[in-house]
Amino acid sequence: MGILSWILLGLVVGVLAKWIMPGRDPGGLVVTILIGIAGAFVGGFLGTQLGLGDVTGFNLGSLALATGGALLLLLAHRKLRG
C-alpha cells in the first residue's frame, strides 16, 4: 500500500474507532488519521501474532483488524489520561 492508501485507511479506521467508542478525545482530523494508521499497525501486528491475518489493503478483514487496533489505542489513551 502506498502512503495515500495508508492515510485514507487511517482516516476511515480512525473515524470508525471514534464512532464505536465515542467520548472526548483531543485532536481533530490529523489525530484521527494518526490513530487510524497506528491502529492499523497494532491490529496487523496482533492479527499476525494470533494467526488472524494481516492488514493488506481495503478489505473487510483488514478494516476489522485495523479498527480493533485503533480501539485498543483509544482505550489505552483514555486510561492513561484518566
C-alpha atoms as a PDB file:
ATOM      1  CA  MET A   1       0.000   0.000   0.000  1.00  0.00           C
ATOM      2  CA  GLY A   2       1.200   3.479  -0.802  1.00  0.00           C
ATOM      3  CA  ILE A   3       1.297   6.439   1.543  1.00  0.00           C
ATOM      4  CA  LEU A   4      -2.019   7.831   0.265  1.00  0.00           C
ATOM      5  CA  SER A   5      -3.665   4.459   0.847  1.00  0.00           C
ATOM      6  CA  TRP A   6      -2.365   4.397   4.439  1.00  0.00           C
ATOM      7  CA  ILE A   7      -3.675   7.928   5.025  1.00  0.00           C
ATOM      8  CA  LEU A   8      -7.099   7.040   3.613  1.00  0.00           C
ATOM      9  CA  LEU A   9      -7.200   3.793   5.600  1.00  0.00           C
ATOM     10  CA  GLY A  10      -6.156   5.741   8.706  1.00  0.00           C
ATOM     11  CA  LEU A  11      -8.955   8.242   8.192  1.00  0.00           C
ATOM     12  CA  VAL A  12     -11.603   5.547   7.715  1.00  0.00           C
ATOM     13  CA  VAL A  13     -10.360   3.448  10.639  1.00  0.00           C
ATOM     14  CA  GLY A  14      -9.919   6.458  12.936  1.00  0.00           C
ATOM     15  CA  VAL A  15     -13.449   7.661  12.234  1.00  0.00           C
ATOM     16  CA  LEU A  16     -14.836   4.148  12.783  1.00  0.00           C
ATOM     17  CA  ALA A  17     -12.982   3.788  16.079  1.00  0.00           C
ATOM     18  CA  LYS A  18     -14.171   7.168  17.344  1.00  0.00           C
ATOM     19  CA  TRP A  19     -17.715   6.338  16.228  1.00  0.00           C
ATOM     20  CA  ILE A  20     -17.680   2.965  18.016  1.00  0.00           C
ATOM     21  CA  MET A  21     -16.085   4.432  21.161  1.00  0.00           C
ATOM     22  CA  PRO A  22     -17.420   7.998  21.456  1.00  0.00           C
ATOM     23  CA  GLY A  23     -16.041  10.369  24.008  1.00  0.00           C
ATOM     24  CA  ARG A  24     -13.945  13.441  24.484  1.00  0.00           C
ATOM     25  CA  ASP A  25     -10.695  12.929  22.643  1.00  0.00           C
ATOM     26  CA  PRO A  26      -8.235  15.680  21.804  1.00  0.00           C
ATOM     27  CA  GLY A  27      -7.337  16.477  18.265  1.00  0.00           C
ATOM     28  CA  GLY A  28      -9.113  16.778  15.012  1.00  0.00           C
ATOM     29  CA  LEU A  29      -8.747  15.204  11.623  1.00  0.00           C
ATOM     30  CA  VAL A  30      -4.967  14.764  11.770  1.00  0.00           C
ATOM     31  CA  VAL A  31      -5.085  12.991  15.143  1.00  0.00           C
ATOM     32  CA  THR A  32      -7.919  10.784  13.892  1.00  0.00           C
ATOM     33  CA  ILE A  33      -5.817   9.776  10.873  1.00  0.00           C
ATOM     34  CA  LEU A  34      -2.774   9.106  13.056  1.00  0.00           C
ATOM     35  CA  ILE A  35      -4.820   6.967  15.448  1.00  0.00           C
ATOM     36  CA  GLY A  36      -6.165   5.031  12.475  1.00  0.00           C
ATOM     37  CA  ILE A  37      -2.717   4.457  10.937  1.00  0.00           C
ATOM     38  CA  ALA A  38      -1.217   3.426  14.275  1.00  0.00           C
ATOM     39  CA  GLY A  39      -4.256   1.209  14.873  1.00  0.00           C
ATOM     40  CA  ALA A  40      -3.646  -0.491  11.539  1.00  0.00           C
ATOM     41  CA  PHE A  41      -0.076  -1.269  12.571  1.00  0.00           C
ATOM     42  CA  VAL A  42      -1.149  -2.520  16.014  1.00  0.00           C
ATOM     43  CA  GLY A  43      -4.051  -4.520  14.603  1.00  0.00           C
ATOM     44  CA  GLY A  44      -1.873  -6.001  11.873  1.00  0.00           C
ATOM     45  CA  PHE A  45       0.819  -6.978  14.349  1.00  0.00           C
ATOM     46  CA  LEU A  46      -1.627  -8.562  16.797  1.00  0.00           C
ATOM     47  CA  GLY A  47      -3.561 -10.238  13.997  1.00  0.00           C
ATOM     48  CA  THR A  48      -0.380 -11.780  12.646  1.00  0.00           C
ATOM     49  CA  GLN A  49       0.683 -12.982  16.088  1.00  0.00           C
ATOM     50  CA  LEU A  50      -2.738 -14.533  16.738  1.00  0.00           C
ATOM     51  CA  GLY A  51      -2.996 -16.072  13.267  1.00  0.00           C
ATOM     52  CA  LEU A  52      -5.931 -13.907  12.201  1.00  0.00           C
ATOM     53  CA  GLY A  53      -4.234 -12.322   9.199  1.00  0.00           C
ATOM     54  CA  ASP A  54      -2.629  -9.015   8.345  1.00  0.00           C
ATOM     55  CA  VAL A  55      -3.632  -5.561   7.165  1.00  0.00           C
ATOM     56  CA  THR A  56      -3.103  -5.868   3.411  1.00  0.00           C
ATOM     57  CA  GLY A  57      -5.422  -3.294   1.882  1.00  0.00           C
ATOM     58  CA  PHE A  58      -9.038  -2.236   1.763  1.00  0.00           C
ATOM     59  CA  ASN A  59     -10.945  -5.393   2.598  1.00  0.00           C
ATOM     60  CA  LEU A  60     -13.216  -6.319   5.495  1.00  0.00           C
ATOM     61  CA  GLY A  61     -10.586  -8.347   7.357  1.00  0.00           C
ATOM     62  CA  SER A  62      -8.029  -5.557   7.192  1.00  0.00           C
ATOM     63  CA  LEU A  63     -10.567  -2.947   8.245  1.00  0.00           C
ATOM     64  CA  ALA A  64     -11.658  -5.093  11.188  1.00  0.00           C
ATOM     65  CA  LEU A  65      -8.075  -5.659  12.367  1.00  0.00           C
ATOM     66  CA  ALA A  66      -7.142  -2.009  11.932  1.00  0.00           C
ATOM     67  CA  THR A  67     -10.284  -0.812  13.723  1.00  0.00           C
ATOM     68  CA  GLY A  68      -9.614  -3.229  16.574  1.00  0.00           C
ATOM     69  CA  GLY A  69      -6.090  -1.864  16.892  1.00  0.00           C
ATOM     70  CA  ALA A  70      -7.361   1.715  16.858  1.00  0.00           C
ATOM     71  CA  LEU A  71      -9.920   0.865  19.555  1.00  0.00           C
ATOM     72  CA  LEU A  72      -7.135  -0.588  21.704  1.00  0.00           C
ATOM     73  CA  LEU A  73      -5.115   2.595  21.254  1.00  0.00           C
ATOM     74  CA  LEU A  74      -8.100   4.795  22.134  1.00  0.00           C
ATOM     75  CA  LEU A  75      -8.797   2.706  25.232  1.00  0.00           C
ATOM     76  CA  ALA A  76      -5.161   2.871  26.322  1.00  0.00           C
ATOM     77  CA  HIS A  77      -5.072   6.623  25.698  1.00  0.00           C
ATOM     78  CA  ARG A  78      -8.174   7.189  27.812  1.00  0.00           C
ATOM     79  CA  LYS A  79      -6.871   5.003  30.643  1.00  0.00           C
ATOM     80  CA  LEU A  80      -3.519   6.825  30.691  1.00  0.00           C
ATOM     81  CA  ARG A  81      -5.137  10.279  30.524  1.00  0.00           C
ATOM     82  CA  GLY A  82      -7.579   9.434  33.313  1.00  0.00           C
END
